[in-house]
Amino acid sequence: QVQLVDSGGGLVQAGGSLRLSCAASGSIGSINAMGWYRQAPGKERELVARIISDGSTNYGDSVKGRFTISRGNGKNTVNLEMNSLKPEDTAVYYCNALYGSNWRDYWGQGTQVTVSS
């Protein structure tokens, strides 16, 4: 099993930047991918960015060119650099890990990102 702790959210003005971090603990050797999803009020949860164990990355269309996902020191952390933030980026951001042979989802507790106009 895996436990995820995400952090780094906050309030920022449009055009600003924030950095989110997620630390995994537990059976981290069986993590296939880690990433971030977000959910705004009244909307479905959507993929923001994901990094696979081979280093490849995926991004949601709305954040391409503005957000960058990367590994921290060691396999158990990922960071999300968010630049040129827009009010529509406002959401709760959740760290996600895909684990084991059946790629089971694990989730962090979520961190609020608010972008003011």
Protein backbone atom coordinates (compact mmCIF):
# COMPACT_ATOMS: atom_id res chain seq x y z
CA GLN A 1 0.00 0.00 0.00
CA VAL A 2 0.95 3.63 -0.46
CA GLN A 3 0.31 6.81 1.50
CA LEU A 4 0.46 10.19 -0.21
CA VAL A 5 0.91 13.60 1.38
CA ASP A 6 0.47 16.59 -0.89
CA SER A 7 1.34 20.19 -0.07
CA GLY A 8 2.09 23.60 -1.49
CA GLY A 9 -1.27 25.06 -2.41
CA GLY A 10 -2.31 28.60 -1.65
CA LEU A 11 -3.63 31.88 -2.99
CA VAL A 12 -1.91 33.59 -5.89
CA GLN A 13 -2.77 36.33 -8.36
CA ALA A 14 -3.33 35.56 -12.01
CA GLY A 15 -0.02 35.25 -13.83
CA GLY A 16 1.75 34.04 -10.73
CA SER A 17 3.35 30.71 -9.87
CA LEU A 18 2.98 27.96 -7.31
CA ARG A 19 4.78 24.71 -6.64
CA LEU A 20 3.03 21.60 -5.37
CA SER A 21 4.81 18.63 -3.84
CA CYS A 22 3.71 15.09 -3.13
CA ALA A 23 5.57 12.60 -0.98
CA ALA A 24 4.78 8.90 -1.10
CA SER A 25 5.52 6.38 1.61
CA GLY A 26 4.91 2.67 1.99
CA SER A 27 5.54 0.23 -0.85
CA ILE A 28 6.93 2.87 -3.20
CA GLY A 29 8.79 0.29 -5.27
CA SER A 30 5.48 -0.80 -6.79
CA ILE A 31 4.39 2.67 -7.91
CA ASN A 32 3.98 2.80 -11.71
CA ALA A 33 3.16 6.47 -12.03
CA MET A 34 2.53 9.57 -9.95
CA GLY A 35 0.78 12.74 -10.83
CA TRP A 36 -1.79 15.37 -10.08
CA TYR A 37 -5.50 15.71 -10.70
CA ARG A 38 -7.71 18.66 -9.87
CA GLN A 39 -11.37 19.20 -9.13
CA ALA A 40 -13.14 22.54 -9.28
CA PRO A 41 -16.58 23.07 -7.70
CA GLY A 42 -19.28 21.48 -9.82
CA LYS A 43 -16.80 19.85 -12.17
CA GLU A 44 -15.37 16.40 -12.57
CA ARG A 45 -11.87 15.53 -11.44
CA GLU A 46 -9.42 15.92 -14.31
CA LEU A 47 -5.84 14.97 -15.04
CA VAL A 48 -3.34 17.80 -14.66
CA ALA A 49 -0.05 15.97 -15.16
CA ARG A 50 1.45 12.54 -14.66
CA ILE A 51 4.94 11.08 -14.76
CA ILE A 52 5.40 7.40 -15.50
CA SER A 53 8.14 5.22 -14.02
CA ASP A 54 10.05 5.38 -17.32
CA GLY A 55 10.16 9.17 -17.05
CA SER A 56 7.54 9.92 -19.71
CA THR A 57 4.96 12.57 -18.90
CA ASN A 58 1.34 13.40 -19.76
CA TYR A 59 -0.37 16.75 -19.37
CA GLY A 60 -3.94 17.94 -19.53
CA ASP A 61 -4.54 20.14 -22.57
CA SER A 62 -5.39 23.18 -20.47
CA VAL A 63 -2.03 23.21 -18.67
CA LYS A 64 0.40 22.28 -21.45
CA GLY A 65 3.21 24.80 -21.70
CA ARG A 66 2.44 26.28 -18.27
CA PHE A 67 2.84 23.41 -15.82
CA THR A 68 5.80 21.06 -15.42
CA ILE A 69 5.86 17.82 -13.46
CA SER A 70 9.14 16.39 -12.21
CA ARG A 71 10.53 13.92 -9.74
CA GLY A 72 12.03 15.13 -6.52
CA ASN A 73 15.04 13.53 -4.92
CA GLY A 74 14.35 9.80 -4.96
CA LYS A 75 11.45 7.92 -6.46
CA ASN A 76 8.96 8.86 -3.77
CA THR A 77 8.35 12.55 -4.52
CA VAL A 78 6.92 14.51 -7.40
CA ASN A 79 6.68 18.24 -7.85
CA LEU A 80 4.36 20.32 -10.00
CA GLU A 81 5.59 23.72 -11.08
CA MET A 82 2.63 25.87 -12.08
CA ASN A 83 3.34 29.07 -14.00
CA SER A 84 1.16 31.67 -15.68
CA LEU A 85 -1.70 30.68 -13.43
CA LYS A 86 -5.23 31.61 -14.46
CA PRO A 87 -8.40 31.94 -12.39
CA GLU A 88 -9.70 28.82 -14.12
CA ASP A 89 -6.86 26.86 -12.51
CA THR A 90 -8.60 27.32 -9.17
CA ALA A 91 -9.38 23.88 -7.76
CA VAL A 92 -8.44 21.32 -5.17
CA TYR A 93 -5.36 19.51 -6.45
CA TYR A 94 -4.93 15.85 -5.55
CA CYS A 95 -1.76 13.82 -5.74
CA ASN A 96 -2.32 10.43 -7.36
CA ALA A 97 -0.29 7.24 -7.56
CA LEU A 98 -0.91 4.22 -9.76
CA TYR A 99 0.23 1.14 -7.89
CA GLY A 100 0.95 -2.48 -8.57
CA SER A 101 0.09 -4.87 -11.37
CA ASN A 102 -3.52 -3.64 -11.60
CA TRP A 103 -2.55 0.05 -11.48
CA ARG A 104 -4.67 0.78 -8.44
CA ASP A 105 -5.34 4.43 -7.59
CA TYR A 106 -4.13 6.03 -4.40
CA TRP A 107 -4.93 9.64 -3.51
CA GLY A 108 -3.51 12.37 -1.36
CA GLN A 109 -5.73 14.50 0.87
CA GLY A 110 -5.82 17.41 -1.58
CA THR A 111 -4.49 20.94 -1.47
CA GLN A 112 -6.42 24.07 -2.43
CA VAL A 113 -5.11 26.33 -5.19
CA THR A 114 -6.89 29.64 -5.63
CA VAL A 115 -5.99 32.07 -8.40
CA SER A 116 -7.46 35.54 -8.11
CA SER A 117 -8.08 37.75 -11.12
